[in-house]
Amino acid sequence: MSHYRRAGRRDGDRHQAKPRRTVEENPLEPLPVSSSSMASPSVPATSRFLIFFDFDETMIAESSDDAMVRVAPGQTVPDWLKDSFRPGRYNEHMQRVLAYLAQQGVSEEVIRDAIEDIPPTPGLPVLLGFLRSHRQDFECVVLSDANTYFIETWLRKAGSRQLFSEIFTNPASFNKDGHLVLLPYHAHGCTRCPENMCKQVILRDYLARRARERGKPFQKVFYIGDGANDICPTLALGQKDTAFPRRDFPMHRIIQDMQRGQPGIYKPTVVPWARGEDVVDCLKKAVEER
């Protein structure tokens, strides 16, 4: 993993120089529901369950931003760019990285190929196959601090874009000069999250909107993640819901610390996963419950 990513990525205690993903400050204080929401296609109201996916190191086997370092000259970025990171402002840092790639003449084709070549996490194709065969039961959403271009590109290559009703992430697209331009998703007041995105605000907005549209809430909500930034959204889940932290990754370790420090305070059921099949086993049981 690149030096600048280890010093300042989204995954909390694996990058301790970056405090933006910690949850020590009022970790269970509920957040207000925001009016921020992305437009979505019409979704059937028949699905009993809602499942959220993180993207980097949850769906794909590495961070998509690391792939950008590999396409830079010498497969690295200069020290001045690494050192430009500021806590809570990773989105701004990646804007500078992408601008640097543009200055170095890295083309859209090279960037696209690098994203498409990232392998899935172990067992993810099995999990996506299960969800395709149970589309009547599960509404699927991506909630990620990556960006639209990376996620859309990878999902289309994997043949899985149509499985997801919405993708909540930072906007990114190529401008007329062929430069990939990244923007923040929204502004918010959460002190636990970076300035560009609070996943809990997005999750709560989506649950409220879909409950109005469907005329009823989902029976259960599932959340699959890996990083410390996946703690905040799962604090909005209830006892009937399930959080799937990637085993031995920051999300898993933080939940374990919370459970030891304040037993019973973390509400959702916790099912660690190492492979997509671990998630499938749990989802099968949910489907069989009537």
Protein backbone atom coordinates (compact mmCIF):
# COMPACT_ATOMS: atom_id res chain seq x y z
CA MET A 1 0.00 0.00 0.00
CA SER A 2 1.31 3.42 -0.83
CA HIS A 3 2.88 5.61 1.83
CA TYR A 4 0.42 8.46 1.45
CA ARG A 5 -2.52 6.09 1.75
CA ARG A 6 -1.15 4.50 4.90
CA ALA A 7 -0.74 7.95 6.36
CA GLY A 8 -4.20 9.20 5.50
CA ARG A 9 -6.87 6.87 4.20
CA ARG A 10 -10.44 6.21 5.28
CA ASP A 11 -9.84 3.13 7.39
CA GLY A 12 -9.31 4.42 10.88
CA ASP A 13 -7.01 2.51 13.17
CA ARG A 14 -5.02 1.02 10.32
CA HIS A 15 -3.97 4.62 9.62
CA GLN A 16 -3.66 6.12 13.06
CA ALA A 17 -2.22 9.36 11.77
CA LYS A 18 -5.68 10.14 10.50
CA PRO A 19 -8.15 10.85 13.37
CA ARG A 20 -11.12 11.60 11.11
CA ARG A 21 -12.47 8.05 11.32
CA THR A 22 -12.34 7.57 15.06
CA VAL A 23 -15.57 7.17 17.01
CA GLU A 24 -14.48 8.09 20.50
CA GLU A 25 -16.32 11.40 20.52
CA ASN A 26 -19.92 10.67 21.54
CA PRO A 27 -19.93 7.39 19.57
CA LEU A 28 -23.60 6.68 20.18
CA GLU A 29 -25.01 10.17 19.88
CA PRO A 30 -27.72 10.03 17.16
CA LEU A 31 -27.34 12.26 14.16
CA PRO A 32 -30.05 14.45 12.66
CA VAL A 33 -31.62 13.34 9.42
CA SER A 34 -30.35 15.41 6.51
CA SER A 35 -32.35 16.59 3.52
CA SER A 36 -29.50 15.48 1.22
CA SER A 37 -30.58 12.66 -1.12
CA MET A 38 -29.66 11.37 -4.56
CA ALA A 39 -32.23 10.67 -7.24
CA SER A 40 -32.91 7.01 -7.89
CA PRO A 41 -34.80 4.85 -10.36
CA SER A 42 -38.15 3.39 -9.41
CA VAL A 43 -37.66 0.55 -6.93
CA PRO A 44 -40.32 -2.10 -6.19
CA ALA A 45 -41.85 -1.90 -2.73
CA THR A 46 -41.85 -5.69 -2.34
CA SER A 47 -38.32 -6.21 -0.99
CA ARG A 48 -38.35 -7.20 2.65
CA PHE A 49 -34.72 -6.37 3.31
CA LEU A 50 -32.30 -3.54 2.60
CA ILE A 51 -28.58 -4.19 2.27
CA PHE A 52 -25.87 -1.50 2.20
CA PHE A 53 -22.43 -2.16 0.74
CA ASP A 54 -19.27 -0.21 1.30
CA PHE A 55 -16.97 -0.37 -1.76
CA ASP A 56 -13.23 -0.13 -1.06
CA GLU A 57 -11.95 -3.29 0.65
CA THR A 58 -15.52 -4.51 1.03
CA MET A 59 -16.53 -5.15 -2.58
CA ILE A 60 -13.07 -4.76 -4.08
CA ALA A 61 -9.91 -6.29 -2.63
CA GLU A 62 -8.06 -2.99 -2.13
CA SER A 63 -8.71 0.72 -2.06
CA SER A 64 -9.56 2.12 -5.46
CA ASP A 65 -7.37 5.11 -4.63
CA ASP A 66 -4.32 2.85 -4.37
CA ALA A 67 -4.91 1.90 -7.99
CA MET A 68 -4.41 5.57 -8.85
CA VAL A 69 -0.97 5.53 -7.26
CA ARG A 70 0.00 2.62 -9.49
CA VAL A 71 -0.83 4.54 -12.66
CA ALA A 72 1.27 7.54 -11.59
CA PRO A 73 4.79 7.89 -13.02
CA GLY A 74 7.03 5.48 -11.11
CA GLN A 75 3.92 4.06 -9.41
CA THR A 76 4.13 6.68 -6.69
CA VAL A 77 3.26 10.29 -6.04
CA PRO A 78 5.76 12.95 -4.92
CA ASP A 79 6.40 13.63 -1.25
CA TRP A 80 4.89 17.12 -1.44
CA LEU A 81 1.62 15.53 -2.53
CA LYS A 82 1.73 12.84 0.15
CA ASP A 83 2.42 15.49 2.76
CA SER A 84 -0.47 17.69 1.62
CA PHE A 85 -3.02 15.52 3.38
CA ARG A 86 -4.94 17.13 6.24
CA PRO A 87 -7.12 15.21 8.73
CA GLY A 88 -10.78 15.25 7.77
CA ARG A 89 -9.97 16.39 4.23
CA TYR A 90 -9.12 13.22 2.37
CA ASN A 91 -11.51 14.10 -0.46
CA GLU A 92 -9.55 17.30 -1.06
CA HIS A 93 -6.32 15.29 -1.01
CA MET A 94 -7.61 12.93 -3.70
CA GLN A 95 -8.68 15.93 -5.78
CA ARG A 96 -5.03 16.97 -5.79
CA VAL A 97 -3.88 13.42 -6.62
CA LEU A 98 -6.21 13.25 -9.62
CA ALA A 99 -5.10 16.69 -10.76
CA TYR A 100 -1.49 15.50 -10.55
CA LEU A 101 -2.32 12.45 -12.69
CA ALA A 102 -3.90 14.75 -15.27
CA GLN A 103 -0.79 16.93 -15.32
CA GLN A 104 1.29 13.80 -15.90
CA GLY A 105 -0.84 12.85 -18.89
CA VAL A 106 -2.51 9.79 -17.37
CA SER A 107 -5.47 9.09 -19.66
CA GLU A 108 -9.04 8.04 -18.98
CA GLU A 109 -8.31 4.67 -20.58
CA VAL A 110 -5.42 4.01 -18.20
CA ILE A 111 -7.52 5.00 -15.17
CA ARG A 112 -10.46 2.90 -16.34
CA ASP A 113 -8.28 -0.15 -16.93
CA ALA A 114 -6.71 0.20 -13.48
CA ILE A 115 -10.12 0.26 -11.80
CA GLU A 116 -11.52 -2.61 -13.87
CA ASP A 117 -8.50 -4.75 -13.01
CA ILE A 118 -9.05 -4.58 -9.24
CA PRO A 119 -10.17 -8.04 -8.07
CA PRO A 120 -13.24 -8.55 -5.89
CA THR A 121 -12.94 -9.49 -2.25
CA PRO A 122 -13.02 -13.25 -1.60
CA GLY A 123 -16.46 -14.69 -2.24
CA LEU A 124 -18.03 -11.45 -3.41
CA PRO A 125 -19.16 -12.99 -6.75
CA VAL A 126 -20.99 -15.67 -4.75
CA LEU A 127 -22.71 -13.00 -2.63
CA LEU A 128 -23.73 -10.94 -5.66
CA GLY A 129 -24.99 -14.09 -7.38
CA PHE A 130 -27.14 -14.89 -4.35
CA LEU A 131 -28.60 -11.38 -4.35
CA ARG A 132 -29.34 -11.57 -8.09
CA SER A 133 -31.32 -14.75 -7.48
CA HIS A 134 -33.24 -13.09 -4.61
CA ARG A 135 -33.92 -9.65 -6.04
CA GLN A 136 -37.49 -9.87 -4.80
CA ASP A 137 -36.16 -10.03 -1.22
CA PHE A 138 -33.27 -7.54 -1.17
CA GLU A 139 -32.91 -3.91 -2.14
CA CYS A 140 -29.19 -3.20 -2.61
CA VAL A 141 -27.42 0.14 -2.17
CA VAL A 142 -23.76 1.22 -2.31
CA LEU A 143 -22.66 3.70 0.35
CA SER A 144 -19.01 4.63 -0.13
CA ASP A 145 -16.47 7.41 0.31
CA ALA A 146 -14.89 6.48 -3.04
CA ASN A 147 -16.43 8.14 -6.11
CA THR A 148 -18.99 7.61 -8.84
CA TYR A 149 -16.53 6.96 -11.64
CA PHE A 150 -14.61 4.24 -9.80
CA ILE A 151 -17.72 2.47 -8.51
CA GLU A 152 -19.76 2.66 -11.71
CA THR A 153 -16.78 1.54 -13.78
CA TRP A 154 -16.03 -1.46 -11.58
CA LEU A 155 -19.64 -2.58 -11.20
CA ARG A 156 -20.28 -2.40 -14.95
CA LYS A 157 -17.15 -4.44 -15.65
CA ALA A 158 -18.33 -6.99 -13.06
CA GLY A 159 -21.80 -7.09 -14.68
CA SER A 160 -23.44 -6.05 -11.40
CA ARG A 161 -24.51 -2.43 -11.85
CA GLN A 162 -28.20 -3.27 -12.28
CA LEU A 163 -28.27 -5.03 -8.93
CA PHE A 164 -27.97 -1.71 -7.07
CA SER A 165 -30.87 0.72 -6.91
CA GLU A 166 -28.66 3.61 -5.76
CA ILE A 167 -25.03 4.55 -5.29
CA PHE A 168 -24.23 7.16 -2.66
CA THR A 169 -20.68 8.43 -3.10
CA ASN A 170 -18.60 11.45 -4.06
CA PRO A 171 -19.27 12.76 -7.60
CA ALA A 172 -16.46 12.28 -10.12
CA SER A 173 -16.38 12.60 -13.90
CA PHE A 174 -14.03 13.49 -16.73
CA ASN A 175 -14.18 17.06 -17.93
CA LYS A 176 -13.75 18.29 -21.51
CA ASP A 177 -9.97 18.26 -21.03
CA GLY A 178 -9.97 14.60 -20.08
CA HIS A 179 -9.24 15.25 -16.40
CA LEU A 180 -11.04 13.24 -13.72
CA VAL A 181 -12.60 15.82 -11.40
CA LEU A 182 -13.66 14.76 -7.90
CA LEU A 183 -16.12 16.67 -5.68
CA PRO A 184 -17.37 16.18 -2.09
CA TYR A 185 -20.70 14.43 -1.56
CA HIS A 186 -22.27 16.86 0.94
CA ALA A 187 -21.75 19.01 4.02
CA HIS A 188 -22.84 17.81 7.45
CA GLY A 189 -22.37 18.40 11.16
CA CYS A 190 -21.06 15.01 12.30
CA THR A 191 -17.81 15.31 14.25
CA ARG A 192 -16.94 11.65 13.70
CA CYS A 193 -16.72 11.81 9.91
CA PRO A 194 -14.71 13.66 7.26
CA GLU A 195 -16.08 16.94 5.99
CA ASN A 196 -17.25 15.50 2.67
CA MET A 197 -19.41 12.59 3.87
CA CYS A 198 -21.26 11.23 6.88
CA LYS A 199 -22.60 7.80 6.04
CA GLN A 200 -25.08 7.81 8.92
CA VAL A 201 -26.82 10.93 7.63
CA ILE A 202 -27.14 9.30 4.20
CA LEU A 203 -28.37 6.00 5.62
CA ARG A 204 -30.98 7.66 7.83
CA ASP A 205 -32.19 9.84 4.96
CA TYR A 206 -32.55 6.80 2.73
CA LEU A 207 -34.41 4.73 5.32
CA ALA A 208 -36.85 7.58 5.96
CA ARG A 209 -37.46 8.22 2.26
CA ARG A 210 -37.94 4.57 1.36
CA ALA A 211 -40.32 4.05 4.30
CA ARG A 212 -42.47 6.91 2.94
CA GLU A 213 -42.33 5.58 -0.63
CA ARG A 214 -43.05 1.98 0.38
CA GLY A 215 -45.61 2.83 3.04
CA LYS A 216 -43.69 0.65 5.52
CA PRO A 217 -40.13 0.16 6.77
CA PHE A 218 -37.89 -2.74 5.81
CA GLN A 219 -38.09 -5.82 8.00
CA LYS A 220 -34.33 -5.80 8.44
CA VAL A 221 -31.37 -3.71 7.36
CA PHE A 222 -27.95 -5.22 6.65
CA TYR A 223 -24.67 -3.30 6.37
CA ILE A 224 -21.46 -4.77 4.93
CA GLY A 225 -18.25 -2.85 5.57
CA ASP A 226 -14.65 -2.94 6.68
CA GLY A 227 -13.39 0.47 7.77
CA ALA A 228 -13.75 2.73 10.78
CA ASN A 229 -15.95 5.01 8.68
CA ASP A 230 -18.50 2.17 8.57
CA ILE A 231 -19.09 2.44 12.32
CA CYS A 232 -21.04 5.70 12.16
CA PRO A 233 -23.84 4.44 9.86
CA THR A 234 -24.29 1.22 11.82
CA LEU A 235 -24.92 3.23 14.99
CA ALA A 236 -28.31 4.07 13.41
CA LEU A 237 -29.26 0.37 13.11
CA GLY A 238 -31.48 -1.46 15.58
CA GLN A 239 -31.46 -4.83 17.29
CA LYS A 240 -33.24 -6.56 14.42
CA ASP A 241 -30.61 -5.36 11.95
CA THR A 242 -27.18 -6.85 11.17
CA ALA A 243 -23.73 -5.34 10.73
CA PHE A 244 -21.19 -7.38 8.76
CA PRO A 245 -17.69 -6.10 9.63
CA ARG A 246 -14.82 -7.59 7.64
CA ARG A 247 -12.98 -9.84 10.07
CA ASP A 248 -9.87 -8.27 11.67
CA PHE A 249 -10.34 -4.99 9.79
CA PRO A 250 -10.87 -1.67 11.62
CA MET A 251 -14.68 -1.86 11.70
CA HIS A 252 -14.50 -5.27 13.37
CA ARG A 253 -11.89 -4.20 15.93
CA ILE A 254 -13.77 -1.03 16.87
CA ILE A 255 -17.01 -2.96 17.38
CA GLN A 256 -15.17 -5.46 19.60
CA ASP A 257 -13.77 -2.59 21.66
CA MET A 258 -17.24 -1.07 22.02
CA GLN A 259 -18.75 -4.39 23.05
CA ARG A 260 -16.06 -4.93 25.67
CA GLY A 261 -16.24 -1.39 27.00
CA GLN A 262 -20.04 -1.03 27.02
CA PRO A 263 -21.70 -4.44 26.61
CA GLY A 264 -25.05 -4.23 24.82
CA ILE A 265 -24.60 -0.64 23.68
CA TYR A 266 -23.96 -1.55 20.03
CA LYS A 267 -27.44 -2.48 18.85
CA PRO A 268 -27.25 -4.50 15.61
CA THR A 269 -26.31 -8.16 15.46
CA VAL A 270 -22.64 -8.49 14.51
CA VAL A 271 -21.59 -11.13 11.98
CA PRO A 272 -17.89 -10.86 11.00
CA TRP A 273 -17.03 -11.97 7.48
CA ALA A 274 -13.90 -13.10 5.69
CA ARG A 275 -15.60 -14.30 2.51
CA GLY A 276 -18.85 -13.43 0.76
CA GLU A 277 -20.15 -16.88 1.65
CA ASP A 278 -20.17 -15.84 5.33
CA VAL A 279 -22.68 -13.12 4.47
CA VAL A 280 -24.71 -15.45 2.23
CA ASP A 281 -25.15 -17.93 5.08
CA CYS A 282 -26.73 -15.22 7.22
CA LEU A 283 -28.90 -13.81 4.42
CA LYS A 284 -30.24 -17.29 3.62
CA LYS A 285 -31.51 -17.61 7.18
CA ALA A 286 -33.23 -14.22 6.91
CA VAL A 287 -34.95 -15.23 3.66
CA GLU A 288 -36.17 -18.49 5.21
CA GLU A 289 -37.75 -16.66 8.15
CA ARG A 290 -41.39 -15.87 7.41
